[in-house]
Amino acid sequence: MSDDSTAELTRAIDTLRDRRAVLRGAAVAGLAGVGVPLLAACGDDGDAGGAASTPTSAPSSAPTSAPSSSAPPSGGGPVLGPVSDVPVGGGKVFNDAKIVVTQPTAGQFKAFTAVCTHAGCLVAKVENNTIDCPCHGSKYSVTDGSVVGGPAPAPLAAVNVTVDGGNIVGPAA
């Protein structure tokens, strides 16, 4: 083998090593760029008011503590909040009670468990006629809780709520 061939072969090997190093670095950077946010999304940041990112087992049957000014009506469950909190065509997630209440049309209130049927995360918001889970993108109908998108295997279970004196009242314990 000539000196020129040996030098050319050495350059080719060095080039391959450099390419492999670049690809390896890109792969590590890509995993770090995707892995870190995913891990952060699955962690518990202690924020009880925002989108829950930790799975829960099932809705609690214990009554939710309401502020002292919102005493439960006689014979009913806890006051979730005023009807004015639930916009027509939208809804509101009551995280403490693990209930999402929607108002598909004026005066028509529907309620469902806020626990996603896919991985047990709490749904986070209601927009564009869907109840949205932040964990894996499941979407449910505001009208009947049926699955309209994502990996959820089943609809959200209906929850009985009532309207009493301008307040939405959750189910009795």
C-alpha atoms as a PDB file:
ATOM      1  CA  MET A   1       0.000   0.000   0.000  1.00  0.00           C
ATOM      2  CA  SER A   2       1.378   3.433  -0.911  1.00  0.00           C
ATOM      3  CA  ASP A   3       1.832   6.321   1.471  1.00  0.00           C
ATOM      4  CA  ASP A   4      -0.931   8.226  -0.366  1.00  0.00           C
ATOM      5  CA  SER A   5      -3.375   5.328   0.096  1.00  0.00           C
ATOM      6  CA  THR A   6      -2.473   5.012   3.775  1.00  0.00           C
ATOM      7  CA  ALA A   7      -2.948   8.752   4.341  1.00  0.00           C
ATOM      8  CA  GLU A   8      -6.286   8.675   2.496  1.00  0.00           C
ATOM      9  CA  LEU A   9      -7.454   5.680   4.535  1.00  0.00           C
ATOM     10  CA  THR A  10      -6.405   7.407   7.787  1.00  0.00           C
ATOM     11  CA  ARG A  11      -8.370  10.553   6.790  1.00  0.00           C
ATOM     12  CA  ALA A  12     -11.437   8.423   6.004  1.00  0.00           C
ATOM     13  CA  ILE A  13     -11.241   6.682   9.391  1.00  0.00           C
ATOM     14  CA  ASP A  14     -10.833  10.018  11.189  1.00  0.00           C
ATOM     15  CA  THR A  15     -13.825  11.417   9.286  1.00  0.00           C
ATOM     16  CA  LEU A  16     -15.958   8.426  10.325  1.00  0.00           C
ATOM     17  CA  ARG A  17     -14.880   8.843  13.960  1.00  0.00           C
ATOM     18  CA  ASP A  18     -15.778  12.542  13.816  1.00  0.00           C
ATOM     19  CA  ARG A  19     -19.182  11.752  12.275  1.00  0.00           C
ATOM     20  CA  ARG A  20     -19.891   9.125  14.922  1.00  0.00           C
ATOM     21  CA  ALA A  21     -18.922  11.557  17.678  1.00  0.00           C
ATOM     22  CA  VAL A  22     -21.229  14.206  16.212  1.00  0.00           C
ATOM     23  CA  LEU A  23     -24.099  11.727  15.879  1.00  0.00           C
ATOM     24  CA  ARG A  24     -23.529  10.412  19.398  1.00  0.00           C
ATOM     25  CA  GLY A  25     -23.502  13.971  20.757  1.00  0.00           C
ATOM     26  CA  ALA A  26     -26.664  14.834  18.823  1.00  0.00           C
ATOM     27  CA  ALA A  27     -28.410  11.735  20.148  1.00  0.00           C
ATOM     28  CA  VAL A  28     -27.482  12.563  23.743  1.00  0.00           C
ATOM     29  CA  ALA A  29     -28.565  16.176  23.284  1.00  0.00           C
ATOM     30  CA  GLY A  30     -31.831  15.037  21.706  1.00  0.00           C
ATOM     31  CA  LEU A  31     -32.568  12.667  24.561  1.00  0.00           C
ATOM     32  CA  ALA A  32     -31.763  15.360  27.093  1.00  0.00           C
ATOM     33  CA  GLY A  33     -33.948  17.846  25.217  1.00  0.00           C
ATOM     34  CA  VAL A  34     -36.911  15.463  25.175  1.00  0.00           C
ATOM     35  CA  GLY A  35     -36.298  13.474  28.348  1.00  0.00           C
ATOM     36  CA  VAL A  36     -35.897  16.342  30.789  1.00  0.00           C
ATOM     37  CA  PRO A  37     -39.222  18.047  29.891  1.00  0.00           C
ATOM     38  CA  LEU A  38     -41.008  14.682  29.944  1.00  0.00           C
ATOM     39  CA  LEU A  39     -39.644  13.904  33.379  1.00  0.00           C
ATOM     40  CA  ALA A  40     -40.563  17.380  34.568  1.00  0.00           C
ATOM     41  CA  ALA A  41     -44.097  16.920  33.199  1.00  0.00           C
ATOM     42  CA  CYS A  42     -44.479  13.715  35.190  1.00  0.00           C
ATOM     43  CA  GLY A  43     -43.169  15.175  38.449  1.00  0.00           C
ATOM     44  CA  ASP A  44     -45.206  16.693  41.230  1.00  0.00           C
ATOM     45  CA  ASP A  45     -44.535  20.400  41.472  1.00  0.00           C
ATOM     46  CA  GLY A  46     -46.863  20.855  44.428  1.00  0.00           C
ATOM     47  CA  ASP A  47     -49.196  23.185  42.510  1.00  0.00           C
ATOM     48  CA  ALA A  48     -52.701  22.196  43.474  1.00  0.00           C
ATOM     49  CA  GLY A  49     -54.342  24.826  41.299  1.00  0.00           C
ATOM     50  CA  GLY A  50     -52.850  24.163  37.884  1.00  0.00           C
ATOM     51  CA  ALA A  51     -52.849  21.226  35.548  1.00  0.00           C
ATOM     52  CA  ALA A  52     -52.191  18.111  37.533  1.00  0.00           C
ATOM     53  CA  SER A  53     -49.476  15.961  36.084  1.00  0.00           C
ATOM     54  CA  THR A  54     -49.431  13.111  38.537  1.00  0.00           C
ATOM     55  CA  PRO A  55     -51.839  10.245  38.081  1.00  0.00           C
ATOM     56  CA  THR A  56     -54.512   9.735  40.679  1.00  0.00           C
ATOM     57  CA  SER A  57     -56.287   6.537  41.547  1.00  0.00           C
ATOM     58  CA  ALA A  58     -59.931   7.625  41.416  1.00  0.00           C
ATOM     59  CA  PRO A  59     -62.174  10.484  42.452  1.00  0.00           C
ATOM     60  CA  SER A  60     -62.421  10.829  46.198  1.00  0.00           C
ATOM     61  CA  SER A  61     -65.754  10.080  47.765  1.00  0.00           C
ATOM     62  CA  ALA A  62     -64.978  12.348  50.708  1.00  0.00           C
ATOM     63  CA  PRO A  63     -66.567  15.776  50.545  1.00  0.00           C
ATOM     64  CA  THR A  64     -64.359  18.631  49.475  1.00  0.00           C
ATOM     65  CA  SER A  65     -63.819  21.335  52.061  1.00  0.00           C
ATOM     66  CA  ALA A  66     -65.435  24.487  50.872  1.00  0.00           C
ATOM     67  CA  PRO A  67     -64.728  27.979  52.156  1.00  0.00           C
ATOM     68  CA  SER A  68     -66.713  28.787  55.290  1.00  0.00           C
ATOM     69  CA  SER A  69     -68.958  31.175  53.357  1.00  0.00           C
ATOM     70  CA  SER A  70     -70.005  28.304  51.073  1.00  0.00           C
ATOM     71  CA  ALA A  71     -71.730  25.960  53.490  1.00  0.00           C
ATOM     72  CA  PRO A  72     -73.300  22.942  51.790  1.00  0.00           C
ATOM     73  CA  PRO A  73     -77.017  23.198  51.175  1.00  0.00           C
ATOM     74  CA  SER A  74     -79.201  20.944  53.292  1.00  0.00           C
ATOM     75  CA  GLY A  75     -79.128  17.384  51.959  1.00  0.00           C
ATOM     76  CA  GLY A  76     -76.573  18.172  49.252  1.00  0.00           C
ATOM     77  CA  GLY A  77     -72.864  17.826  48.809  1.00  0.00           C
ATOM     78  CA  PRO A  78     -70.157  20.484  48.893  1.00  0.00           C
ATOM     79  CA  VAL A  79     -70.463  23.724  46.975  1.00  0.00           C
ATOM     80  CA  LEU A  80     -68.003  23.523  44.084  1.00  0.00           C
ATOM     81  CA  GLY A  81     -68.358  27.155  43.049  1.00  0.00           C
ATOM     82  CA  PRO A  82     -70.698  29.723  41.540  1.00  0.00           C
ATOM     83  CA  VAL A  83     -72.393  28.965  38.217  1.00  0.00           C
ATOM     84  CA  SER A  84     -70.713  32.108  36.879  1.00  0.00           C
ATOM     85  CA  ASP A  85     -67.384  30.209  36.999  1.00  0.00           C
ATOM     86  CA  VAL A  86     -68.617  27.877  34.244  1.00  0.00           C
ATOM     87  CA  PRO A  87     -68.864  29.692  30.890  1.00  0.00           C
ATOM     88  CA  VAL A  88     -71.529  28.756  28.348  1.00  0.00           C
ATOM     89  CA  GLY A  89     -69.896  26.499  25.763  1.00  0.00           C
ATOM     90  CA  GLY A  90     -67.005  25.789  28.123  1.00  0.00           C
ATOM     91  CA  GLY A  91     -66.355  24.464  31.563  1.00  0.00           C
ATOM     92  CA  LYS A  92     -64.268  24.530  34.706  1.00  0.00           C
ATOM     93  CA  VAL A  93     -62.144  21.903  36.416  1.00  0.00           C
ATOM     94  CA  PHE A  94     -62.647  21.779  40.190  1.00  0.00           C
ATOM     95  CA  ASN A  95     -59.304  20.166  41.075  1.00  0.00           C
ATOM     96  CA  ASP A  96     -59.973  19.633  44.788  1.00  0.00           C
ATOM     97  CA  ALA A  97     -63.179  17.699  44.073  1.00  0.00           C
ATOM     98  CA  LYS A  98     -61.722  16.022  40.954  1.00  0.00           C
ATOM     99  CA  ILE A  99     -64.807  17.080  39.010  1.00  0.00           C
ATOM    100  CA  VAL A 100     -65.106  18.966  35.729  1.00  0.00           C
ATOM    101  CA  VAL A 101     -68.346  20.873  35.141  1.00  0.00           C
ATOM    102  CA  THR A 102     -69.373  22.004  31.655  1.00  0.00           C
ATOM    103  CA  GLN A 103     -72.184  24.170  30.333  1.00  0.00           C
ATOM    104  CA  PRO A 104     -72.729  23.061  26.711  1.00  0.00           C
ATOM    105  CA  THR A 105     -75.714  25.416  26.362  1.00  0.00           C
ATOM    106  CA  ALA A 106     -77.017  28.173  28.644  1.00  0.00           C
ATOM    107  CA  GLY A 107     -78.378  26.688  31.863  1.00  0.00           C
ATOM    108  CA  GLN A 108     -77.439  23.084  30.969  1.00  0.00           C
ATOM    109  CA  PHE A 109     -74.747  21.841  33.356  1.00  0.00           C
ATOM    110  CA  LYS A 110     -72.958  18.527  32.906  1.00  0.00           C
ATOM    111  CA  ALA A 111     -70.370  17.101  35.278  1.00  0.00           C
ATOM    112  CA  PHE A 112     -67.811  14.338  34.950  1.00  0.00           C
ATOM    113  CA  THR A 113     -64.934  12.929  36.907  1.00  0.00           C
ATOM    114  CA  ALA A 114     -61.807  14.964  36.168  1.00  0.00           C
ATOM    115  CA  VAL A 115     -59.657  11.809  36.213  1.00  0.00           C
ATOM    116  CA  CYS A 116     -58.520  10.825  32.707  1.00  0.00           C
ATOM    117  CA  THR A 117     -59.358   7.226  31.813  1.00  0.00           C
ATOM    118  CA  HIS A 118     -55.997   6.745  30.082  1.00  0.00           C
ATOM    119  CA  ALA A 119     -53.374   7.232  32.788  1.00  0.00           C
ATOM    120  CA  GLY A 120     -55.249   8.699  35.748  1.00  0.00           C
ATOM    121  CA  CYS A 121     -54.060  12.295  35.354  1.00  0.00           C
ATOM    122  CA  LEU A 122     -56.441  15.141  36.124  1.00  0.00           C
ATOM    123  CA  VAL A 123     -57.840  16.932  33.105  1.00  0.00           C
ATOM    124  CA  ALA A 124     -56.570  20.488  32.961  1.00  0.00           C
ATOM    125  CA  LYS A 125     -58.859  22.669  30.907  1.00  0.00           C
ATOM    126  CA  VAL A 126     -61.995  22.951  28.844  1.00  0.00           C
ATOM    127  CA  GLU A 127     -61.742  24.659  25.471  1.00  0.00           C
ATOM    128  CA  ASN A 128     -63.029  24.263  21.908  1.00  0.00           C
ATOM    129  CA  ASN A 129     -65.859  22.005  23.138  1.00  0.00           C
ATOM    130  CA  THR A 130     -63.454  19.480  24.643  1.00  0.00           C
ATOM    131  CA  ILE A 131     -62.208  18.567  28.091  1.00  0.00           C
ATOM    132  CA  ASP A 132     -58.432  18.239  27.699  1.00  0.00           C
ATOM    133  CA  CYS A 133     -55.930  16.066  29.560  1.00  0.00           C
ATOM    134  CA  PRO A 134     -52.365  17.437  29.546  1.00  0.00           C
ATOM    135  CA  CYS A 135     -50.588  14.122  30.101  1.00  0.00           C
ATOM    136  CA  HIS A 136     -51.040  12.379  26.754  1.00  0.00           C
ATOM    137  CA  GLY A 137     -53.518  14.525  24.830  1.00  0.00           C
ATOM    138  CA  SER A 138     -56.816  12.765  25.497  1.00  0.00           C
ATOM    139  CA  LYS A 139     -59.876  14.889  24.704  1.00  0.00           C
ATOM    140  CA  TYR A 140     -63.451  14.370  25.835  1.00  0.00           C
ATOM    141  CA  SER A 141     -66.785  15.866  24.726  1.00  0.00           C
ATOM    142  CA  VAL A 142     -68.198  18.638  26.952  1.00  0.00           C
ATOM    143  CA  THR A 143     -71.681  17.275  26.262  1.00  0.00           C
ATOM    144  CA  ASP A 144     -71.390  13.644  27.329  1.00  0.00           C
ATOM    145  CA  GLY A 145     -67.764  12.964  28.354  1.00  0.00           C
ATOM    146  CA  SER A 146     -67.171  10.657  25.385  1.00  0.00           C
ATOM    147  CA  VAL A 147     -63.664  10.293  23.967  1.00  0.00           C
ATOM    148  CA  VAL A 148     -63.089  12.546  20.946  1.00  0.00           C
ATOM    149  CA  GLY A 149     -59.317  12.154  20.677  1.00  0.00           C
ATOM    150  CA  GLY A 150     -56.175  10.726  22.169  1.00  0.00           C
ATOM    151  CA  PRO A 151     -55.364   7.430  23.820  1.00  0.00           C
ATOM    152  CA  ALA A 152     -58.171   7.382  26.413  1.00  0.00           C
ATOM    153  CA  PRO A 153     -59.901   3.977  26.339  1.00  0.00           C
ATOM    154  CA  ALA A 154     -63.222   5.057  27.878  1.00  0.00           C
ATOM    155  CA  PRO A 155     -65.385   8.150  28.444  1.00  0.00           C
ATOM    156  CA  LEU A 156     -65.281  10.220  31.613  1.00  0.00           C
ATOM    157  CA  ALA A 157     -67.807   8.981  34.161  1.00  0.00           C
ATOM    158  CA  ALA A 158     -70.778  11.275  34.724  1.00  0.00           C
ATOM    159  CA  VAL A 159     -71.112  12.910  38.148  1.00  0.00           C
ATOM    160  CA  ASN A 160     -74.386  14.215  39.578  1.00  0.00           C
ATOM    161  CA  VAL A 161     -74.286  17.902  40.453  1.00  0.00           C
ATOM    162  CA  THR A 162     -77.084  20.355  41.110  1.00  0.00           C
ATOM    163  CA  VAL A 163     -77.519  24.098  40.950  1.00  0.00           C
ATOM    164  CA  ASP A 164     -78.710  25.666  44.195  1.00  0.00           C
ATOM    165  CA  GLY A 165     -78.925  29.413  44.765  1.00  0.00           C
ATOM    166  CA  GLY A 166     -76.475  30.232  41.982  1.00  0.00           C
ATOM    167  CA  ASN A 167     -73.951  27.625  43.142  1.00  0.00           C
ATOM    168  CA  ILE A 168     -72.902  24.311  41.664  1.00  0.00           C
ATOM    169  CA  VAL A 169     -73.292  21.648  44.335  1.00  0.00           C
ATOM    170  CA  GLY A 170     -71.318  18.426  44.140  1.00  0.00           C
ATOM    171  CA  PRO A 171     -72.563  14.966  44.996  1.00  0.00           C
ATOM    172  CA  ALA A 172     -73.281  14.082  48.613  1.00  0.00           C
ATOM    173  CA  ALA A 173     -70.713  11.915  50.360  1.00  0.00           C
END
